[in-house]
Amino acid sequence: MHGYIIKNEVVLIVFMGTALIDLYGKSRLLETAIKSFGQMVVKEGCTSSAIIFSLGCNSRENQAFEMFEGMKSNGLRPNEITFVGVLTAWARAKLIESVWGALLGACKIHGAVVLGNEVGTRVLELQHLHCGQHVALSHINAGAEKWVHAADLRQAMLKSGIKNIPAYSSINSL
């Protein structure tokens, strides 16, 4: 099919181009996926998601991150596939602990108590001496008025000798 498109100089529309990128990316023919992406005149979020996923699955993590930033800069909206591609790239780049921490922070912001506790348990297994993770999980529970759980987390910090390092900022005048 792609040969027919090339031979007859058919312009790759979003649907066909995205399908080709996905096919070549999953077939480990990444250069062909990238070339197909480059030949497309019109690109939408699904197209960028397909190339991000392809890059992430083929050990081109930095390019996947760059493509994700470019996608946002161009006003294209990420979807679920985009995030799976970015998470795949993060995992392959061995940045998964930053992924868990970001997810915990998102749970705190959105008040997702059940998910926050599940994620928090995993984060504490990975980074049990990191004060920020304990504090974030404690805040999630305090926000849901689960005072006993929040207090237990603070107590566990004290018993482990983990100190809460206060944040600060400075403003320099010119």
C-alpha atoms as a PDB file:
ATOM      1  CA  MET A   1       0.000   0.000   0.000  1.00  0.00           C
ATOM      2  CA  HIS A   2       2.800   2.429   0.884  1.00  0.00           C
ATOM      3  CA  GLY A   3       4.521   1.566  -2.384  1.00  0.00           C
ATOM      4  CA  TYR A   4       1.359   2.496  -4.252  1.00  0.00           C
ATOM      5  CA  ILE A   5       1.201   5.815  -2.370  1.00  0.00           C
ATOM      6  CA  ILE A   6       4.823   6.624  -3.269  1.00  0.00           C
ATOM      7  CA  LYS A   7       4.549   5.457  -6.890  1.00  0.00           C
ATOM      8  CA  ASN A   8       1.404   7.485  -7.545  1.00  0.00           C
ATOM      9  CA  GLU A   9       2.566  10.504  -5.512  1.00  0.00           C
ATOM     10  CA  VAL A  10      -0.488  10.384  -3.288  1.00  0.00           C
ATOM     11  CA  VAL A  11      -0.395  13.011  -0.552  1.00  0.00           C
ATOM     12  CA  LEU A  12      -0.358  11.396   2.877  1.00  0.00           C
ATOM     13  CA  ILE A  13      -3.473  12.527   4.676  1.00  0.00           C
ATOM     14  CA  VAL A  14      -3.637  12.341   8.470  1.00  0.00           C
ATOM     15  CA  PHE A  15      -5.346   8.953   8.623  1.00  0.00           C
ATOM     16  CA  MET A  16      -2.999   7.198   6.168  1.00  0.00           C
ATOM     17  CA  GLY A  17       0.160   8.839   7.479  1.00  0.00           C
ATOM     18  CA  THR A  18      -0.637   8.055  11.090  1.00  0.00           C
ATOM     19  CA  ALA A  19      -1.361   4.420  10.197  1.00  0.00           C
ATOM     20  CA  LEU A  20       1.972   4.149   8.343  1.00  0.00           C
ATOM     21  CA  ILE A  21       3.922   5.709  11.212  1.00  0.00           C
ATOM     22  CA  ASP A  22       2.301   3.297  13.639  1.00  0.00           C
ATOM     23  CA  LEU A  23       2.937   0.300  11.358  1.00  0.00           C
ATOM     24  CA  TYR A  24       6.597   1.131  10.740  1.00  0.00           C
ATOM     25  CA  GLY A  25       7.229   2.073  14.364  1.00  0.00           C
ATOM     26  CA  LYS A  26       5.839  -1.223  15.619  1.00  0.00           C
ATOM     27  CA  SER A  27       7.794  -3.088  12.931  1.00  0.00           C
ATOM     28  CA  ARG A  28      11.041  -1.458  14.158  1.00  0.00           C
ATOM     29  CA  LEU A  29      11.441   0.371  10.839  1.00  0.00           C
ATOM     30  CA  LEU A  30      11.858   3.665  12.614  1.00  0.00           C
ATOM     31  CA  GLU A  31      13.622   5.553   9.830  1.00  0.00           C
ATOM     32  CA  THR A  32      10.710   4.818   7.505  1.00  0.00           C
ATOM     33  CA  ALA A  33       8.264   5.953  10.205  1.00  0.00           C
ATOM     34  CA  ILE A  34      10.211   9.206  10.616  1.00  0.00           C
ATOM     35  CA  LYS A  35      10.344   9.702   6.832  1.00  0.00           C
ATOM     36  CA  SER A  36       6.568   9.156   6.595  1.00  0.00           C
ATOM     37  CA  PHE A  37       6.046  11.714   9.353  1.00  0.00           C
ATOM     38  CA  GLY A  38       8.233  14.221   7.520  1.00  0.00           C
ATOM     39  CA  GLN A  39       6.338  13.760   4.253  1.00  0.00           C
ATOM     40  CA  MET A  40       3.003  14.662   5.792  1.00  0.00           C
ATOM     41  CA  VAL A  41       1.732  18.138   5.014  1.00  0.00           C
ATOM     42  CA  VAL A  42      -0.963  18.204   7.696  1.00  0.00           C
ATOM     43  CA  LYS A  43      -0.247  16.706  11.107  1.00  0.00           C
ATOM     44  CA  GLU A  44      -2.682  16.343  13.965  1.00  0.00           C
ATOM     45  CA  GLY A  45      -2.359  15.185  17.568  1.00  0.00           C
ATOM     46  CA  CYS A  46      -2.828  11.544  16.597  1.00  0.00           C
ATOM     47  CA  THR A  47       0.036  11.830  14.098  1.00  0.00           C
ATOM     48  CA  SER A  48       2.406  13.284  16.674  1.00  0.00           C
ATOM     49  CA  SER A  49       1.277  10.665  19.184  1.00  0.00           C
ATOM     50  CA  ALA A  50       2.132   7.893  16.730  1.00  0.00           C
ATOM     51  CA  ILE A  51       5.663   9.187  16.120  1.00  0.00           C
ATOM     52  CA  ILE A  52       6.246   9.819  19.852  1.00  0.00           C
ATOM     53  CA  PHE A  53       5.150   6.267  20.616  1.00  0.00           C
ATOM     54  CA  SER A  54       7.338   4.909  17.789  1.00  0.00           C
ATOM     55  CA  LEU A  55      10.368   6.845  18.997  1.00  0.00           C
ATOM     56  CA  GLY A  56       9.783   5.816  22.608  1.00  0.00           C
ATOM     57  CA  CYS A  57       9.496   2.136  21.705  1.00  0.00           C
ATOM     58  CA  ASN A  58      12.628   2.195  19.567  1.00  0.00           C
ATOM     59  CA  SER A  59      15.169   3.577  22.043  1.00  0.00           C
ATOM     60  CA  ARG A  60      14.993   7.167  20.790  1.00  0.00           C
ATOM     61  CA  GLU A  61      13.823   8.622  24.092  1.00  0.00           C
ATOM     62  CA  ASN A  62      15.324  12.081  23.656  1.00  0.00           C
ATOM     63  CA  GLN A  63      13.702  12.478  20.249  1.00  0.00           C
ATOM     64  CA  ALA A  64      10.379  11.385  21.752  1.00  0.00           C
ATOM     65  CA  PHE A  65      10.701  14.060  24.461  1.00  0.00           C
ATOM     66  CA  GLU A  66      11.629  16.684  21.850  1.00  0.00           C
ATOM     67  CA  MET A  67       8.676  15.675  19.678  1.00  0.00           C
ATOM     68  CA  PHE A  68       6.355  15.918  22.690  1.00  0.00           C
ATOM     69  CA  GLU A  69       7.604  19.442  23.452  1.00  0.00           C
ATOM     70  CA  GLY A  70       7.209  20.375  19.779  1.00  0.00           C
ATOM     71  CA  MET A  71       3.702  18.987  19.776  1.00  0.00           C
ATOM     72  CA  LYS A  72       2.733  21.189  22.721  1.00  0.00           C
ATOM     73  CA  SER A  73       4.459  24.222  21.151  1.00  0.00           C
ATOM     74  CA  ASN A  74       2.433  23.756  17.979  1.00  0.00           C
ATOM     75  CA  GLY A  75      -0.809  23.746  19.950  1.00  0.00           C
ATOM     76  CA  LEU A  76      -1.540  20.074  19.341  1.00  0.00           C
ATOM     77  CA  ARG A  77      -3.380  18.407  22.181  1.00  0.00           C
ATOM     78  CA  PRO A  78      -1.873  15.219  23.658  1.00  0.00           C
ATOM     79  CA  ASN A  79      -4.138  12.186  24.045  1.00  0.00           C
ATOM     80  CA  GLU A  80      -3.871   8.876  25.900  1.00  0.00           C
ATOM     81  CA  ILE A  81      -1.561   7.395  23.249  1.00  0.00           C
ATOM     82  CA  THR A  82       0.718  10.417  23.556  1.00  0.00           C
ATOM     83  CA  PHE A  83       1.098   9.833  27.277  1.00  0.00           C
ATOM     84  CA  VAL A  84       1.688   6.105  26.812  1.00  0.00           C
ATOM     85  CA  GLY A  85       4.446   6.980  24.340  1.00  0.00           C
ATOM     86  CA  VAL A  86       6.028   9.509  26.711  1.00  0.00           C
ATOM     87  CA  LEU A  87       5.790   7.089  29.647  1.00  0.00           C
ATOM     88  CA  THR A  88       7.373   4.381  27.495  1.00  0.00           C
ATOM     89  CA  ALA A  89      10.230   6.729  26.638  1.00  0.00           C
ATOM     90  CA  TRP A  90      10.651   7.667  30.312  1.00  0.00           C
ATOM     91  CA  ALA A  91      10.746   4.009  31.317  1.00  0.00           C
ATOM     92  CA  ARG A  92      13.318   3.154  28.633  1.00  0.00           C
ATOM     93  CA  ALA A  93      15.432   6.146  29.688  1.00  0.00           C
ATOM     94  CA  LYS A  94      15.308   4.829  33.279  1.00  0.00           C
ATOM     95  CA  LEU A  95      13.429   7.937  34.461  1.00  0.00           C
ATOM     96  CA  ILE A  96      10.500   5.974  35.874  1.00  0.00           C
ATOM     97  CA  GLU A  97      11.060   7.233  39.493  1.00  0.00           C
ATOM     98  CA  SER A  98      10.460  10.789  38.257  1.00  0.00           C
ATOM     99  CA  VAL A  99       7.241   9.390  36.605  1.00  0.00           C
ATOM    100  CA  TRP A 100       5.976   7.980  39.928  1.00  0.00           C
ATOM    101  CA  GLY A 101       6.775  11.242  41.711  1.00  0.00           C
ATOM    102  CA  ALA A 102       4.934  13.273  39.075  1.00  0.00           C
ATOM    103  CA  LEU A 103       1.925  10.986  39.341  1.00  0.00           C
ATOM    104  CA  LEU A 104       1.931  11.387  43.129  1.00  0.00           C
ATOM    105  CA  GLY A 105       2.054  15.177  42.693  1.00  0.00           C
ATOM    106  CA  ALA A 106      -0.887  15.027  40.275  1.00  0.00           C
ATOM    107  CA  CYS A 107      -2.870  12.962  42.786  1.00  0.00           C
ATOM    108  CA  LYS A 108      -2.174  15.616  45.413  1.00  0.00           C
ATOM    109  CA  ILE A 109      -3.317  18.439  43.118  1.00  0.00           C
ATOM    110  CA  HIS A 110      -6.510  16.644  42.047  1.00  0.00           C
ATOM    111  CA  GLY A 111      -7.362  15.108  45.426  1.00  0.00           C
ATOM    112  CA  ALA A 112      -7.210  11.529  44.129  1.00  0.00           C
ATOM    113  CA  VAL A 113      -6.862   9.902  47.534  1.00  0.00           C
ATOM    114  CA  VAL A 114      -7.206   6.218  46.618  1.00  0.00           C
ATOM    115  CA  LEU A 115      -4.875   6.427  43.631  1.00  0.00           C
ATOM    116  CA  GLY A 116      -2.560   8.723  45.615  1.00  0.00           C
ATOM    117  CA  ASN A 117      -2.184   6.119  48.346  1.00  0.00           C
ATOM    118  CA  GLU A 118      -1.491   3.362  45.805  1.00  0.00           C
ATOM    119  CA  VAL A 119       1.070   5.485  43.987  1.00  0.00           C
ATOM    120  CA  GLY A 120       2.488   6.735  47.292  1.00  0.00           C
ATOM    121  CA  THR A 121       3.089   3.188  48.491  1.00  0.00           C
ATOM    122  CA  ARG A 122       5.042   2.443  45.333  1.00  0.00           C
ATOM    123  CA  VAL A 123       6.991   5.704  45.534  1.00  0.00           C
ATOM    124  CA  LEU A 124       7.940   5.073  49.148  1.00  0.00           C
ATOM    125  CA  GLU A 125       9.241   1.624  48.155  1.00  0.00           C
ATOM    126  CA  LEU A 126      11.465   3.250  45.537  1.00  0.00           C
ATOM    127  CA  GLN A 127      12.486   6.384  47.451  1.00  0.00           C
ATOM    128  CA  HIS A 128      11.892   5.590  51.104  1.00  0.00           C
ATOM    129  CA  LEU A 129      14.294   8.287  52.364  1.00  0.00           C
ATOM    130  CA  HIS A 130      12.898  11.137  50.245  1.00  0.00           C
ATOM    131  CA  CYS A 131      11.080  13.598  52.522  1.00  0.00           C
ATOM    132  CA  GLY A 132       9.047  15.161  49.691  1.00  0.00           C
ATOM    133  CA  GLN A 133       7.273  11.908  48.865  1.00  0.00           C
ATOM    134  CA  HIS A 134       6.276  11.366  52.504  1.00  0.00           C
ATOM    135  CA  VAL A 135       5.033  14.947  52.812  1.00  0.00           C
ATOM    136  CA  ALA A 136       3.033  14.777  49.566  1.00  0.00           C
ATOM    137  CA  LEU A 137       1.350  11.545  50.616  1.00  0.00           C
ATOM    138  CA  SER A 138       0.648  12.983  54.069  1.00  0.00           C
ATOM    139  CA  HIS A 139      -0.938  16.077  52.457  1.00  0.00           C
ATOM    140  CA  ILE A 140      -3.129  13.902  50.215  1.00  0.00           C
ATOM    141  CA  ASN A 141      -4.511  12.137  53.276  1.00  0.00           C
ATOM    142  CA  ALA A 142      -4.845  15.321  55.325  1.00  0.00           C
ATOM    143  CA  GLY A 143      -6.753  16.919  52.440  1.00  0.00           C
ATOM    144  CA  ALA A 144      -9.209  14.018  52.590  1.00  0.00           C
ATOM    145  CA  GLU A 145      -9.414  14.426  56.388  1.00  0.00           C
ATOM    146  CA  LYS A 146      -7.754  11.046  56.926  1.00  0.00           C
ATOM    147  CA  TRP A 147      -5.890  12.453  59.884  1.00  0.00           C
ATOM    148  CA  VAL A 148      -4.742   9.136  61.345  1.00  0.00           C
ATOM    149  CA  HIS A 149      -3.126   8.059  58.087  1.00  0.00           C
ATOM    150  CA  ALA A 150      -1.511  11.476  57.617  1.00  0.00           C
ATOM    151  CA  ALA A 151      -0.162  11.378  61.169  1.00  0.00           C
ATOM    152  CA  ASP A 152       1.130   7.817  60.698  1.00  0.00           C
ATOM    153  CA  LEU A 153       3.108   8.945  57.644  1.00  0.00           C
ATOM    154  CA  ARG A 154       4.630  11.868  59.572  1.00  0.00           C
ATOM    155  CA  GLN A 155       5.457   9.533  62.455  1.00  0.00           C
ATOM    156  CA  ALA A 156       7.125   7.047  60.070  1.00  0.00           C
ATOM    157  CA  MET A 157       9.262   9.932  58.771  1.00  0.00           C
ATOM    158  CA  LEU A 158      10.395  10.785  62.279  1.00  0.00           C
ATOM    159  CA  LYS A 159      11.167   7.159  63.164  1.00  0.00           C
ATOM    160  CA  SER A 160      13.222   6.761  59.978  1.00  0.00           C
ATOM    161  CA  GLY A 161      15.161   9.923  60.715  1.00  0.00           C
ATOM    162  CA  ILE A 162      13.870  11.662  57.595  1.00  0.00           C
ATOM    163  CA  LYS A 163      13.865  15.411  58.047  1.00  0.00           C
ATOM    164  CA  ASN A 164      11.398  17.692  56.304  1.00  0.00           C
ATOM    165  CA  ILE A 165      13.598  20.216  54.518  1.00  0.00           C
ATOM    166  CA  PRO A 166      11.803  23.571  54.339  1.00  0.00           C
ATOM    167  CA  ALA A 167      11.484  25.118  50.906  1.00  0.00           C
ATOM    168  CA  TYR A 168      12.649  28.633  50.228  1.00  0.00           C
ATOM    169  CA  SER A 169      12.989  31.079  47.402  1.00  0.00           C
ATOM    170  CA  SER A 170      14.907  34.266  46.903  1.00  0.00           C
ATOM    171  CA  ILE A 171      14.199  37.307  44.818  1.00  0.00           C
ATOM    172  CA  ASN A 172      17.208  39.200  43.595  1.00  0.00           C
ATOM    173  CA  SER A 173      16.730  42.859  42.810  1.00  0.00           C
ATOM    174  CA  LEU A 174      18.533  44.342  39.867  1.00  0.00           C
END
